[in-house]
């Protein structure tokens, strides 16, 4: 498995972060992928998703959140 170069990636925290440090960060400027990492461990593992899979996940999460 090839390791992706993360040196020029722009990470952003969710606008719903509450300041407690328990956040995830997303990078959408990877070549054809969306990256997800734990903000407390910026050098740790990165999960990658296809843009279509990420869009499906976000839509499902928003739909679930609107039910509560």
C-alpha atoms as a PDB file:
ATOM      1  CA  UNK A   1       0.000   0.000   0.000  1.00  0.00           C
ATOM      2  CA  UNK A   2       1.389   3.435  -0.951  1.00  0.00           C
ATOM      3  CA  UNK A   3       1.575   6.100   1.720  1.00  0.00           C
ATOM      4  CA  UNK A   4       0.036   9.395   0.626  1.00  0.00           C
ATOM      5  CA  UNK A   5       2.023  12.619   0.927  1.00  0.00           C
ATOM      6  CA  UNK A   6       0.211  14.705   3.547  1.00  0.00           C
ATOM      7  CA  UNK A   7       2.678  17.631   3.699  1.00  0.00           C
ATOM      8  CA  UNK A   8       0.603  20.007   1.554  1.00  0.00           C
ATOM      9  CA  UNK A   9      -2.840  18.957   2.726  1.00  0.00           C
ATOM     10  CA  UNK A  10      -5.223  21.512   4.227  1.00  0.00           C
ATOM     11  CA  UNK A  11      -7.162  20.065   7.166  1.00  0.00           C
ATOM     12  CA  UNK A  12     -10.307  21.633   8.599  1.00  0.00           C
ATOM     13  CA  UNK A  13     -12.276  20.887  11.736  1.00  0.00           C
ATOM     14  CA  UNK A  14     -16.000  20.482  11.758  1.00  0.00           C
ATOM     15  CA  UNK A  15     -17.978  23.654  12.390  1.00  0.00           C
ATOM     16  CA  UNK A  16     -19.789  21.602  15.043  1.00  0.00           C
ATOM     17  CA  UNK A  17     -16.638  21.078  17.092  1.00  0.00           C
ATOM     18  CA  UNK A  18     -17.257  22.060  20.679  1.00  0.00           C
ATOM     19  CA  UNK A  19     -13.714  23.039  21.666  1.00  0.00           C
ATOM     20  CA  UNK A  20     -13.172  19.941  23.823  1.00  0.00           C
ATOM     21  CA  UNK A  21     -10.509  18.599  21.489  1.00  0.00           C
ATOM     22  CA  UNK A  22     -12.596  15.565  20.526  1.00  0.00           C
ATOM     23  CA  UNK A  23     -12.700  16.437  16.854  1.00  0.00           C
ATOM     24  CA  UNK A  24     -12.109  15.000  13.476  1.00  0.00           C
ATOM     25  CA  UNK A  25     -10.523  16.890  10.624  1.00  0.00           C
ATOM     26  CA  UNK A  26     -11.319  16.573   6.942  1.00  0.00           C
ATOM     27  CA  UNK A  27      -9.121  17.229   3.915  1.00  0.00           C
ATOM     28  CA  UNK A  28     -10.741  17.532   0.524  1.00  0.00           C
ATOM     29  CA  UNK A  29      -7.624  18.506  -1.428  1.00  0.00           C
ATOM     30  CA  UNK A  30      -6.200  15.013  -1.814  1.00  0.00           C
ATOM     31  CA  UNK A  31      -5.929  13.638  -5.328  1.00  0.00           C
ATOM     32  CA  UNK A  32      -9.364  12.120  -5.887  1.00  0.00           C
ATOM     33  CA  UNK A  33      -9.899  11.306  -2.195  1.00  0.00           C
ATOM     34  CA  UNK A  34     -11.309  12.830   0.971  1.00  0.00           C
ATOM     35  CA  UNK A  35      -9.178  12.360   4.089  1.00  0.00           C
ATOM     36  CA  UNK A  36     -10.357  12.026   7.671  1.00  0.00           C
ATOM     37  CA  UNK A  37      -8.160  12.070  10.789  1.00  0.00           C
ATOM     38  CA  UNK A  38      -8.313  12.517  14.558  1.00  0.00           C
ATOM     39  CA  UNK A  39      -7.346  16.104  15.419  1.00  0.00           C
ATOM     40  CA  UNK A  40      -5.616  14.913  18.604  1.00  0.00           C
ATOM     41  CA  UNK A  41      -3.254  12.738  16.545  1.00  0.00           C
ATOM     42  CA  UNK A  42      -2.309  14.726  13.423  1.00  0.00           C
ATOM     43  CA  UNK A  43       0.538  12.347  12.607  1.00  0.00           C
ATOM     44  CA  UNK A  44      -1.625   9.276  13.077  1.00  0.00           C
ATOM     45  CA  UNK A  45      -3.579   7.286  10.528  1.00  0.00           C
ATOM     46  CA  UNK A  46      -5.753   8.888   7.878  1.00  0.00           C
ATOM     47  CA  UNK A  47      -8.882   7.252   6.540  1.00  0.00           C
ATOM     48  CA  UNK A  48      -9.576   8.007   2.894  1.00  0.00           C
ATOM     49  CA  UNK A  49     -12.864   7.904   1.049  1.00  0.00           C
ATOM     50  CA  UNK A  50     -13.916   8.446  -2.527  1.00  0.00           C
ATOM     51  CA  UNK A  51     -15.771  11.755  -2.948  1.00  0.00           C
ATOM     52  CA  UNK A  52     -18.996   9.825  -3.650  1.00  0.00           C
ATOM     53  CA  UNK A  53     -18.645   7.729  -0.489  1.00  0.00           C
ATOM     54  CA  UNK A  54     -17.920  10.860   1.563  1.00  0.00           C
ATOM     55  CA  UNK A  55     -20.993  12.640   0.172  1.00  0.00           C
ATOM     56  CA  UNK A  56     -23.156   9.622   1.013  1.00  0.00           C
ATOM     57  CA  UNK A  57     -21.758   9.529   4.563  1.00  0.00           C
ATOM     58  CA  UNK A  58     -22.349  13.257   5.150  1.00  0.00           C
ATOM     59  CA  UNK A  59     -25.904  13.107   3.807  1.00  0.00           C
ATOM     60  CA  UNK A  60     -26.723  10.077   5.963  1.00  0.00           C
ATOM     61  CA  UNK A  61     -25.224  11.750   9.030  1.00  0.00           C
ATOM     62  CA  UNK A  62     -27.246  14.929   8.476  1.00  0.00           C
ATOM     63  CA  UNK A  63     -30.425  12.905   7.944  1.00  0.00           C
ATOM     64  CA  UNK A  64     -29.830  10.953  11.159  1.00  0.00           C
ATOM     65  CA  UNK A  65     -29.109  14.145  13.089  1.00  0.00           C
ATOM     66  CA  UNK A  66     -32.330  15.774  11.900  1.00  0.00           C
ATOM     67  CA  UNK A  67     -34.324  12.868  13.393  1.00  0.00           C
ATOM     68  CA  UNK A  68     -33.109  13.625  16.930  1.00  0.00           C
END
